[in-house]
């Protein structure tokens, strides 16, 4: 059973930093980067895998490696860490020009996750409700796309959002940079949960995973 486990504050190295950014300087930060997806794009083209489902699995895999990106507040306002967090991602409905947000349970096995994601997107393809699933869990982080646009900067402003500790990921359209293919990615991070070091590590590990073609075979 997945649990939100309290963090032992007495021995937590980030206690001072967490309290500073929760009590004195509440803030989140946003960073937009170009992720090198050259090898990933080539691998997807020669496989049966769907691009979006594959992107979501890669992001969820790296997010789940690190406790700082699985954090949520307990009822008393203290920090906890989920055993696992699941991606909640958007899908577009051309007829209504609206989107739905869908959740697929994270699975370390790419094949199983990919099959579940594709099945979920097909099942709700014509359901235009914003949240068509009735059993959405609490332990989800957000992934969305900025369709048809390759952006160089993106900012998301969430009113009263300083209690939201889980990351928010926004993807843009690929573009060519010389002999590379890059994907714009914007991250919104709560500073109480993670610093620049942690976000930089997440970005690097995601780029490394996209460069590893083996999981798409």
Foldseek 3Di string as FASTA:
>chain_A
DKDFAFDPLVPDPLNVQLCCCVPPNPDKDKDKDWFFLFQLVVLCVPFPFDDVLLLQLLLQVLLLVDQLQQWAADPVRGITGINGAWEWEWDAQVVVRAIATDTFGHDNQSVVSRVRVVVVCVVCVPPRDNYPDPDDDPRYEYEYEPEPDQDPDDDDDDVVCSNPAHKYKYWYDWDDDPSTIIIMMMIMHGSSRDDPVSVVVSSVSSSVVSNDSVSRD
